[in-house]
Amino acid sequence: MSPLVSSALLAAAGAFVLFGIVVFYRIYRGPTVQDRVIGVNVVGSNTVVVIALLAAAFGQPGLLDVALVYALLNFLMSIALSKFTVERGEVF
């Protein structure tokens, strides 16, 4: 892979990391539980994207397996948190 493409992938990964840091504000200050759940889901999705971008930039296909497992765990976490908020009656 050319150095230009690798640098672009690393820059994109850095941008996603910065975006994830901004989303932490929503997790911390979210006025409702749903805002916090969505924030955690966005951070998890950003983590998957960053891992995939790093796998492409460094030519490490093994990291894609890590990204896939993390995506599945993120999905299960979203389901668990949704079930928890529904059971507590904090949906609306």
PDB file of N, CA and C in Angstrom:
ATOM      1  N   MET A   1       0.853  -1.164   0.000  1.00  0.00           N
ATOM      2  CA  MET A   1       0.000   0.000   0.000  1.00  0.00           C
ATOM      3  C   MET A   1       0.902   1.231   0.000  1.00  0.00           C
ATOM      4  N   SER A   2       0.464   2.240  -0.724  1.00  0.00           N
ATOM      5  CA  SER A   2       1.293   3.443  -0.831  1.00  0.00           C
ATOM      6  C   SER A   2       1.274   4.232   0.477  1.00  0.00           C
ATOM      7  N   PRO A   3       2.316   4.986   0.728  1.00  0.00           N
ATOM      8  CA  PRO A   3       2.366   5.788   1.959  1.00  0.00           C
ATOM      9  C   PRO A   3       1.252   6.830   2.027  1.00  0.00           C
ATOM     10  N   LEU A   4       0.810   7.328   0.878  1.00  0.00           N
ATOM     11  CA  LEU A   4      -0.267   8.323   0.865  1.00  0.00           C
ATOM     12  C   LEU A   4      -1.578   7.715   1.357  1.00  0.00           C
ATOM     13  N   VAL A   5      -1.895   6.533   0.876  1.00  0.00           N
ATOM     14  CA  VAL A   5      -3.127   5.864   1.302  1.00  0.00           C
ATOM     15  C   VAL A   5      -3.044   5.499   2.782  1.00  0.00           C
ATOM     16  N   SER A   6      -1.900   5.006   3.208  1.00  0.00           N
ATOM     17  CA  SER A   6      -1.721   4.657   4.612  1.00  0.00           C
ATOM     18  C   SER A   6      -1.867   5.884   5.509  1.00  0.00           C
ATOM     19  N   SER A   7      -1.309   7.001   5.077  1.00  0.00           N
ATOM     20  CA  SER A   7      -1.439   8.244   5.854  1.00  0.00           C
ATOM     21  C   SER A   7      -2.883   8.718   5.893  1.00  0.00           C
ATOM     22  N   ALA A   8      -3.592   8.578   4.784  1.00  0.00           N
ATOM     23  CA  ALA A   8      -5.002   8.981   4.752  1.00  0.00           C
ATOM     24  C   ALA A   8      -5.840   8.114   5.687  1.00  0.00           C
ATOM     25  N   LEU A   9      -5.564   6.823   5.716  1.00  0.00           N
ATOM     26  CA  LEU A   9      -6.290   5.934   6.622  1.00  0.00           C
ATOM     27  C   LEU A   9      -5.999   6.268   8.081  1.00  0.00           C
ATOM     28  N   LEU A  10      -4.749   6.574   8.390  1.00  0.00           N
ATOM     29  CA  LEU A  10      -4.400   6.958   9.762  1.00  0.00           C
ATOM     30  C   LEU A  10      -5.043   8.285  10.147  1.00  0.00           C
ATOM     31  N   ALA A  11      -5.116   9.225   9.200  1.00  0.00           N
ATOM     32  CA  ALA A  11      -5.778  10.505   9.472  1.00  0.00           C
ATOM     33  C   ALA A  11      -7.270  10.296   9.718  1.00  0.00           C
ATOM     34  N   ALA A  12      -7.887   9.424   8.939  1.00  0.00           N
ATOM     35  CA  ALA A  12      -9.307   9.129   9.144  1.00  0.00           C
ATOM     36  C   ALA A  12      -9.530   8.475  10.504  1.00  0.00           C
ATOM     37  N   ALA A  13      -8.637   7.570  10.889  1.00  0.00           N
ATOM     38  CA  ALA A  13      -8.750   6.935  12.205  1.00  0.00           C
ATOM     39  C   ALA A  13      -8.620   7.977  13.314  1.00  0.00           C
ATOM     40  N   GLY A  14      -7.694   8.912  13.143  1.00  0.00           N
ATOM     41  CA  GLY A  14      -7.545   9.989  14.124  1.00  0.00           C
ATOM     42  C   GLY A  14      -8.786  10.857  14.217  1.00  0.00           C
ATOM     43  N   ALA A  15      -9.411  11.124  13.076  1.00  0.00           N
ATOM     44  CA  ALA A  15     -10.645  11.919  13.081  1.00  0.00           C
ATOM     45  C   ALA A  15     -11.758  11.187  13.824  1.00  0.00           C
ATOM     46  N   PHE A  16     -11.859   9.882  13.624  1.00  0.00           N
ATOM     47  CA  PHE A  16     -12.874   9.114  14.342  1.00  0.00           C
ATOM     48  C   PHE A  16     -12.594   9.074  15.835  1.00  0.00           C
ATOM     49  N   VAL A  17     -11.335   9.038  16.223  1.00  0.00           N
ATOM     50  CA  VAL A  17     -10.990   9.074  17.647  1.00  0.00           C
ATOM     51  C   VAL A  17     -11.411  10.413  18.251  1.00  0.00           C
ATOM     52  N   LEU A  18     -11.142  11.503  17.544  1.00  0.00           N
ATOM     53  CA  LEU A  18     -11.562  12.822  18.036  1.00  0.00           C
ATOM     54  C   LEU A  18     -13.078  12.913  18.145  1.00  0.00           C
ATOM     55  N   PHE A  19     -13.779  12.366  17.165  1.00  0.00           N
ATOM     56  CA  PHE A  19     -15.236  12.358  17.214  1.00  0.00           C
ATOM     57  C   PHE A  19     -15.730  11.558  18.418  1.00  0.00           C
ATOM     58  N   GLY A  20     -15.076  10.439  18.703  1.00  0.00           N
ATOM     59  CA  GLY A  20     -15.457   9.640  19.862  1.00  0.00           C
ATOM     60  C   GLY A  20     -15.247  10.382  21.167  1.00  0.00           C
ATOM     61  N   ILE A  21     -14.190  11.175  21.227  1.00  0.00           N
ATOM     62  CA  ILE A  21     -13.942  11.977  22.429  1.00  0.00           C
ATOM     63  C   ILE A  21     -15.041  13.014  22.616  1.00  0.00           C
ATOM     64  N   VAL A  22     -15.496  13.599  21.523  1.00  0.00           N
ATOM     65  CA  VAL A  22     -16.587  14.575  21.599  1.00  0.00           C
ATOM     66  C   VAL A  22     -17.871  13.901  22.081  1.00  0.00           C
ATOM     67  N   VAL A  23     -18.106  12.669  21.659  1.00  0.00           N
ATOM     68  CA  VAL A  23     -19.322  11.959  22.054  1.00  0.00           C
ATOM     69  C   VAL A  23     -19.306  11.633  23.548  1.00  0.00           C
ATOM     70  N   PHE A  24     -18.122  11.527  24.142  1.00  0.00           N
ATOM     71  CA  PHE A  24     -18.057  11.291  25.581  1.00  0.00           C
ATOM     72  C   PHE A  24     -18.758  12.403  26.363  1.00  0.00           C
ATOM     73  N   TYR A  25     -18.816  13.596  25.817  1.00  0.00           N
ATOM     74  CA  TYR A  25     -19.555  14.681  26.472  1.00  0.00           C
ATOM     75  C   TYR A  25     -21.032  14.322  26.551  1.00  0.00           C
ATOM     76  N   ARG A  26     -21.577  13.742  25.482  1.00  0.00           N
ATOM     77  CA  ARG A  26     -22.989  13.347  25.479  1.00  0.00           C
ATOM     78  C   ARG A  26     -23.231  12.227  26.484  1.00  0.00           C
ATOM     79  N   ILE A  27     -22.262  11.348  26.633  1.00  0.00           N
ATOM     80  CA  ILE A  27     -22.424  10.271  27.610  1.00  0.00           C
ATOM     81  C   ILE A  27     -22.417  10.847  29.023  1.00  0.00           C
ATOM     82  N   TYR A  28     -21.540  11.805  29.265  1.00  0.00           N
ATOM     83  CA  TYR A  28     -21.414  12.389  30.598  1.00  0.00           C
ATOM     84  C   TYR A  28     -22.586  13.303  30.933  1.00  0.00           C
ATOM     85  N   ARG A  29     -22.997  14.144  29.985  1.00  0.00           N
ATOM     86  CA  ARG A  29     -24.007  15.157  30.262  1.00  0.00           C
ATOM     87  C   ARG A  29     -25.378  14.853  29.672  1.00  0.00           C
ATOM     88  N   GLY A  30     -25.574  13.664  29.104  1.00  0.00           N
ATOM     89  CA  GLY A  30     -26.851  13.361  28.471  1.00  0.00           C
ATOM     90  C   GLY A  30     -28.014  13.593  29.417  1.00  0.00           C
ATOM     91  N   PRO A  31     -29.017  14.345  28.978  1.00  0.00           N
ATOM     92  CA  PRO A  31     -30.124  14.617  29.894  1.00  0.00           C
ATOM     93  C   PRO A  31     -30.967  13.376  30.200  1.00  0.00           C
ATOM     94  N   THR A  32     -30.967  12.398  29.318  1.00  0.00           N
ATOM     95  CA  THR A  32     -31.759  11.192  29.555  1.00  0.00           C
ATOM     96  C   THR A  32     -30.868   9.958  29.440  1.00  0.00           C
ATOM     97  N   VAL A  33     -31.411   8.856  29.908  1.00  0.00           N
ATOM     98  CA  VAL A  33     -30.687   7.592  29.819  1.00  0.00           C
ATOM     99  C   VAL A  33     -30.503   7.192  28.357  1.00  0.00           C
ATOM    100  N   GLN A  34     -31.506   7.474  27.524  1.00  0.00           N
ATOM    101  CA  GLN A  34     -31.413   7.115  26.112  1.00  0.00           C
ATOM    102  C   GLN A  34     -30.267   7.843  25.427  1.00  0.00           C
ATOM    103  N   ASP A  35     -30.028   9.106  25.791  1.00  0.00           N
ATOM    104  CA  ASP A  35     -28.897   9.838  25.222  1.00  0.00           C
ATOM    105  C   ASP A  35     -27.577   9.172  25.587  1.00  0.00           C
ATOM    106  N   ARG A  36     -27.488   8.706  26.801  1.00  0.00           N
ATOM    107  CA  ARG A  36     -26.260   8.032  27.227  1.00  0.00           C
ATOM    108  C   ARG A  36     -26.081   6.693  26.512  1.00  0.00           C
ATOM    109  N   VAL A  37     -27.180   5.955  26.331  1.00  0.00           N
ATOM    110  CA  VAL A  37     -27.104   4.674  25.626  1.00  0.00           C
ATOM    111  C   VAL A  37     -26.671   4.888  24.183  1.00  0.00           C
ATOM    112  N   ILE A  38     -27.232   5.884  23.522  1.00  0.00           N
ATOM    113  CA  ILE A  38     -26.850   6.175  22.142  1.00  0.00           C
ATOM    114  C   ILE A  38     -25.389   6.607  22.083  1.00  0.00           C
ATOM    115  N   GLY A  39     -24.949   7.400  23.055  1.00  0.00           N
ATOM    116  CA  GLY A  39     -23.553   7.819  23.088  1.00  0.00           C
ATOM    117  C   GLY A  39     -22.598   6.647  23.231  1.00  0.00           C
ATOM    118  N   VAL A  40     -22.934   5.710  24.105  1.00  0.00           N
ATOM    119  CA  VAL A  40     -22.086   4.530  24.283  1.00  0.00           C
ATOM    120  C   VAL A  40     -22.070   3.692  23.004  1.00  0.00           C
ATOM    121  N   ASN A  41     -23.224   3.597  22.339  1.00  0.00           N
ATOM    122  CA  ASN A  41     -23.291   2.846  21.087  1.00  0.00           C
ATOM    123  C   ASN A  41     -22.445   3.509  20.004  1.00  0.00           C
ATOM    124  N   VAL A  42     -22.468   4.831  19.938  1.00  0.00           N
ATOM    125  CA  VAL A  42     -21.661   5.548  18.943  1.00  0.00           C
ATOM    126  C   VAL A  42     -20.171   5.352  19.220  1.00  0.00           C
ATOM    127  N   VAL A  43     -19.776   5.416  20.473  1.00  0.00           N
ATOM    128  CA  VAL A  43     -18.362   5.203  20.808  1.00  0.00           C
ATOM    129  C   VAL A  43     -17.939   3.781  20.435  1.00  0.00           C
ATOM    130  N   GLY A  44     -18.794   2.808  20.690  1.00  0.00           N
ATOM    131  CA  GLY A  44     -18.476   1.436  20.305  1.00  0.00           C
ATOM    132  C   GLY A  44     -18.358   1.269  18.802  1.00  0.00           C
ATOM    133  N   SER A  45     -19.259   1.896  18.065  1.00  0.00           N
ATOM    134  CA  SER A  45     -19.194   1.825  16.600  1.00  0.00           C
ATOM    135  C   SER A  45     -17.949   2.524  16.072  1.00  0.00           C
ATOM    136  N   ASN A  46     -17.609   3.659  16.663  1.00  0.00           N
ATOM    137  CA  ASN A  46     -16.383   4.353  16.254  1.00  0.00           C
ATOM    138  C   ASN A  46     -15.150   3.495  16.524  1.00  0.00           C
ATOM    139  N   THR A  47     -15.160   2.772  17.620  1.00  0.00           N
ATOM    140  CA  THR A  47     -14.031   1.902  17.933  1.00  0.00           C
ATOM    141  C   THR A  47     -13.870   0.819  16.870  1.00  0.00           C
ATOM    142  N   VAL A  48     -14.990   0.268  16.417  1.00  0.00           N
ATOM    143  CA  VAL A  48     -14.938  -0.747  15.362  1.00  0.00           C
ATOM    144  C   VAL A  48     -14.357  -0.155  14.088  1.00  0.00           C
ATOM    145  N   VAL A  49     -14.788   1.048  13.729  1.00  0.00           N
ATOM    146  CA  VAL A  49     -14.286   1.699  12.513  1.00  0.00           C
ATOM    147  C   VAL A  49     -12.793   1.997  12.638  1.00  0.00           C
ATOM    148  N   VAL A  50     -12.365   2.478  13.793  1.00  0.00           N
ATOM    149  CA  VAL A  50     -10.944   2.791  13.993  1.00  0.00           C
ATOM    150  C   VAL A  50     -10.098   1.524  13.886  1.00  0.00           C
ATOM    151  N   ILE A  51     -10.562   0.435  14.482  1.00  0.00           N
ATOM    152  CA  ILE A  51      -9.805  -0.820  14.387  1.00  0.00           C
ATOM    153  C   ILE A  51      -9.719  -1.279  12.936  1.00  0.00           C
ATOM    154  N   ALA A  52     -10.817  -1.156  12.187  1.00  0.00           N
ATOM    155  CA  ALA A  52     -10.801  -1.564  10.775  1.00  0.00           C
ATOM    156  C   ALA A  52      -9.873  -0.672   9.955  1.00  0.00           C
ATOM    157  N   LEU A  53      -9.880   0.630  10.224  1.00  0.00           N
ATOM    158  CA  LEU A  53      -8.978   1.532   9.504  1.00  0.00           C
ATOM    159  C   LEU A  53      -7.515   1.232   9.823  1.00  0.00           C
ATOM    160  N   LEU A  54      -7.228   0.944  11.077  1.00  0.00           N
ATOM    161  CA  LEU A  54      -5.856   0.591  11.448  1.00  0.00           C
ATOM    162  C   LEU A  54      -5.432  -0.728  10.810  1.00  0.00           C
ATOM    163  N   ALA A  55      -6.369  -1.669  10.697  1.00  0.00           N
ATOM    164  CA  ALA A  55      -6.055  -2.937  10.037  1.00  0.00           C
ATOM    165  C   ALA A  55      -5.683  -2.705   8.582  1.00  0.00           C
ATOM    166  N   ALA A  56      -6.416  -1.809   7.921  1.00  0.00           N
ATOM    167  CA  ALA A  56      -6.106  -1.514   6.519  1.00  0.00           C
ATOM    168  C   ALA A  56      -4.802  -0.737   6.397  1.00  0.00           C
ATOM    169  N   ALA A  57      -4.573   0.212   7.290  1.00  0.00           N
ATOM    170  CA  ALA A  57      -3.375   1.053   7.201  1.00  0.00           C
ATOM    171  C   ALA A  57      -2.101   0.254   7.446  1.00  0.00           C
ATOM    172  N   PHE A  58      -2.148  -0.682   8.379  1.00  0.00           N
ATOM    173  CA  PHE A  58      -0.949  -1.448   8.723  1.00  0.00           C
ATOM    174  C   PHE A  58      -0.876  -2.800   8.016  1.00  0.00           C
ATOM    175  N   GLY A  59      -1.904  -3.131   7.227  1.00  0.00           N
ATOM    176  CA  GLY A  59      -1.895  -4.398   6.507  1.00  0.00           C
ATOM    177  C   GLY A  59      -1.992  -5.607   7.415  1.00  0.00           C
ATOM    178  N   GLN A  60      -2.770  -5.490   8.472  1.00  0.00           N
ATOM    179  CA  GLN A  60      -2.939  -6.569   9.444  1.00  0.00           C
ATOM    180  C   GLN A  60      -4.374  -7.096   9.383  1.00  0.00           C
ATOM    181  N   PRO A  61      -4.651  -8.104   8.572  1.00  0.00           N
ATOM    182  CA  PRO A  61      -6.029  -8.599   8.466  1.00  0.00           C
ATOM    183  C   PRO A  61      -6.547  -9.229   9.757  1.00  0.00           C
ATOM    184  N   GLY A  62      -5.676  -9.609  10.662  1.00  0.00           N
ATOM    185  CA  GLY A  62      -6.113 -10.169  11.937  1.00  0.00           C
ATOM    186  C   GLY A  62      -6.887  -9.174  12.780  1.00  0.00           C
ATOM    187  N   LEU A  63      -6.610  -7.895  12.596  1.00  0.00           N
ATOM    188  CA  LEU A  63      -7.348  -6.879  13.343  1.00  0.00           C
ATOM    189  C   LEU A  63      -8.808  -6.792  12.906  1.00  0.00           C
ATOM    190  N   LEU A  64      -9.108  -7.233  11.691  1.00  0.00           N
ATOM    191  CA  LEU A  64     -10.503  -7.233  11.246  1.00  0.00           C
ATOM    192  C   LEU A  64     -11.336  -8.226  12.048  1.00  0.00           C
ATOM    193  N   ASP A  65     -10.729  -9.327  12.461  1.00  0.00           N
ATOM    194  CA  ASP A  65     -11.424 -10.272  13.335  1.00  0.00           C
ATOM    195  C   ASP A  65     -11.735  -9.626  14.681  1.00  0.00           C
ATOM    196  N   VAL A  66     -10.788  -8.875  15.192  1.00  0.00           N
ATOM    197  CA  VAL A  66     -11.003  -8.161  16.454  1.00  0.00           C
ATOM    198  C   VAL A  66     -12.136  -7.152  16.298  1.00  0.00           C
ATOM    199  N   ALA A  67     -12.160  -6.435  15.179  1.00  0.00           N
ATOM    200  CA  ALA A  67     -13.216  -5.454  14.931  1.00  0.00           C
ATOM    201  C   ALA A  67     -14.575  -6.133  14.841  1.00  0.00           C
ATOM    202  N   LEU A  68     -14.632  -7.287  14.201  1.00  0.00           N
ATOM    203  CA  LEU A  68     -15.894  -8.009  14.069  1.00  0.00           C
ATOM    204  C   LEU A  68     -16.409  -8.473  15.427  1.00  0.00           C
ATOM    205  N   VAL A  69     -15.538  -9.026  16.248  1.00  0.00           N
ATOM    206  CA  VAL A  69     -15.948  -9.467  17.586  1.00  0.00           C
ATOM    207  C   VAL A  69     -16.393  -8.273  18.420  1.00  0.00           C
ATOM    208  N   TYR A  70     -15.678  -7.163  18.322  1.00  0.00           N
ATOM    209  CA  TYR A  70     -16.055  -5.969  19.077  1.00  0.00           C
ATOM    210  C   TYR A  70     -17.401  -5.435  18.604  1.00  0.00           C
ATOM    211  N   ALA A  71     -17.682  -5.514  17.303  1.00  0.00           N
ATOM    212  CA  ALA A  71     -18.977  -5.075  16.779  1.00  0.00           C
ATOM    213  C   ALA A  71     -20.106  -5.947  17.325  1.00  0.00           C
ATOM    214  N   LEU A  72     -19.879  -7.245  17.401  1.00  0.00           N
ATOM    215  CA  LEU A  72     -20.900  -8.134  17.955  1.00  0.00           C
ATOM    216  C   LEU A  72     -21.134  -7.852  19.437  1.00  0.00           C
ATOM    217  N   LEU A  73     -20.066  -7.611  20.174  1.00  0.00           N
ATOM    218  CA  LEU A  73     -20.220  -7.269  21.593  1.00  0.00           C
ATOM    219  C   LEU A  73     -20.932  -5.934  21.767  1.00  0.00           C
ATOM    220  N   ASN A  74     -20.651  -4.984  20.886  1.00  0.00           N
ATOM    221  CA  ASN A  74     -21.321  -3.691  20.933  1.00  0.00           C
ATOM    222  C   ASN A  74     -22.819  -3.860  20.681  1.00  0.00           C
ATOM    223  N   PHE A  75     -23.182  -4.720  19.737  1.00  0.00           N
ATOM    224  CA  PHE A  75     -24.590  -4.983  19.457  1.00  0.00           C
ATOM    225  C   PHE A  75     -25.272  -5.611  20.668  1.00  0.00           C
ATOM    226  N   LEU A  76     -24.635  -6.602  21.273  1.00  0.00           N
ATOM    227  CA  LEU A  76     -25.222  -7.243  22.448  1.00  0.00           C
ATOM    228  C   LEU A  76     -25.358  -6.264  23.609  1.00  0.00           C
ATOM    229  N   MET A  77     -24.389  -5.370  23.757  1.00  0.00           N
ATOM    230  CA  MET A  77     -24.466  -4.358  24.808  1.00  0.00           C
ATOM    231  C   MET A  77     -25.650  -3.424  24.563  1.00  0.00           C
ATOM    232  N   SER A  78     -25.886  -3.065  23.320  1.00  0.00           N
ATOM    233  CA  SER A  78     -27.016  -2.194  22.994  1.00  0.00           C
ATOM    234  C   SER A  78     -28.339  -2.869  23.334  1.00  0.00           C
ATOM    235  N   ILE A  79     -28.449  -4.141  23.015  1.00  0.00           N
ATOM    236  CA  ILE A  79     -29.668  -4.887  23.336  1.00  0.00           C
ATOM    237  C   ILE A  79     -29.857  -4.967  24.849  1.00  0.00           C
ATOM    238  N   ALA A  80     -28.798  -5.251  25.578  1.00  0.00           N
ATOM    239  CA  ALA A  80     -28.896  -5.372  27.035  1.00  0.00           C
ATOM    240  C   ALA A  80     -29.285  -4.041  27.674  1.00  0.00           C
ATOM    241  N   LEU A  81     -28.675  -2.949  27.231  1.00  0.00           N
ATOM    242  CA  LEU A  81     -29.023  -1.650  27.799  1.00  0.00           C
ATOM    243  C   LEU A  81     -30.444  -1.244  27.441  1.00  0.00           C
ATOM    244  N   SER A  82     -30.891  -1.571  26.244  1.00  0.00           N
ATOM    245  CA  SER A  82     -32.268  -1.268  25.858  1.00  0.00           C
ATOM    246  C   SER A  82     -33.251  -2.049  26.721  1.00  0.00           C
ATOM    247  N   LYS A  83     -32.973  -3.310  26.938  1.00  0.00           N
ATOM    248  CA  LYS A  83     -33.838  -4.128  27.791  1.00  0.00           C
ATOM    249  C   LYS A  83     -33.847  -3.589  29.218  1.00  0.00           C
ATOM    250  N   PHE A  84     -32.701  -3.169  29.702  1.00  0.00           N
ATOM    251  CA  PHE A  84     -32.602  -2.621  31.052  1.00  0.00           C
ATOM    252  C   PHE A  84     -33.431  -1.348  31.195  1.00  0.00           C
ATOM    253  N   THR A  85     -33.369  -0.453  30.215  1.00  0.00           N
ATOM    254  CA  THR A  85     -34.125   0.799  30.316  1.00  0.00           C
ATOM    255  C   THR A  85     -35.620   0.564  30.180  1.00  0.00           C
ATOM    256  N   VAL A  86     -36.029  -0.417  29.387  1.00  0.00           N
ATOM    257  CA  VAL A  86     -37.454  -0.721  29.256  1.00  0.00           C
ATOM    258  C   VAL A  86     -37.979  -1.303  30.560  1.00  0.00           C
ATOM    259  N   GLU A  87     -37.215  -2.189  31.183  1.00  0.00           N
ATOM    260  CA  GLU A  87     -37.658  -2.800  32.435  1.00  0.00           C
ATOM    261  C   GLU A  87     -37.746  -1.782  33.563  1.00  0.00           C
ATOM    262  N   ARG A  88     -36.901  -0.771  33.545  1.00  0.00           N
ATOM    263  CA  ARG A  88     -36.939   0.256  34.586  1.00  0.00           C
ATOM    264  C   ARG A  88     -38.009   1.297  34.320  1.00  0.00           C
ATOM    265  N   GLY A  89     -38.611   1.268  33.143  1.00  0.00           N
ATOM    266  CA  GLY A  89     -39.667   2.218  32.820  1.00  0.00           C
ATOM    267  C   GLY A  89     -39.155   3.590  32.462  1.00  0.00           C
ATOM    268  N   GLU A  90     -37.924   3.705  31.995  1.00  0.00           N
ATOM    269  CA  GLU A  90     -37.339   4.999  31.661  1.00  0.00           C
ATOM    270  C   GLU A  90     -37.310   5.245  30.156  1.00  0.00           C
ATOM    271  N   VAL A  91     -38.247   4.643  29.433  1.00  0.00           N
ATOM    272  CA  VAL A  91     -38.227   4.767  27.982  1.00  0.00           C
ATOM    273  C   VAL A  91     -38.671   6.152  27.553  1.00  0.00           C
ATOM    274  N   PHE A  92     -39.699   6.671  28.161  1.00  0.00           N
ATOM    275  CA  PHE A  92     -40.205   7.997  27.757  1.00  0.00           C
ATOM    276  C   PHE A  92     -40.025   9.001  28.861  1.00  0.00           C
TER     277      PHE A  92
END
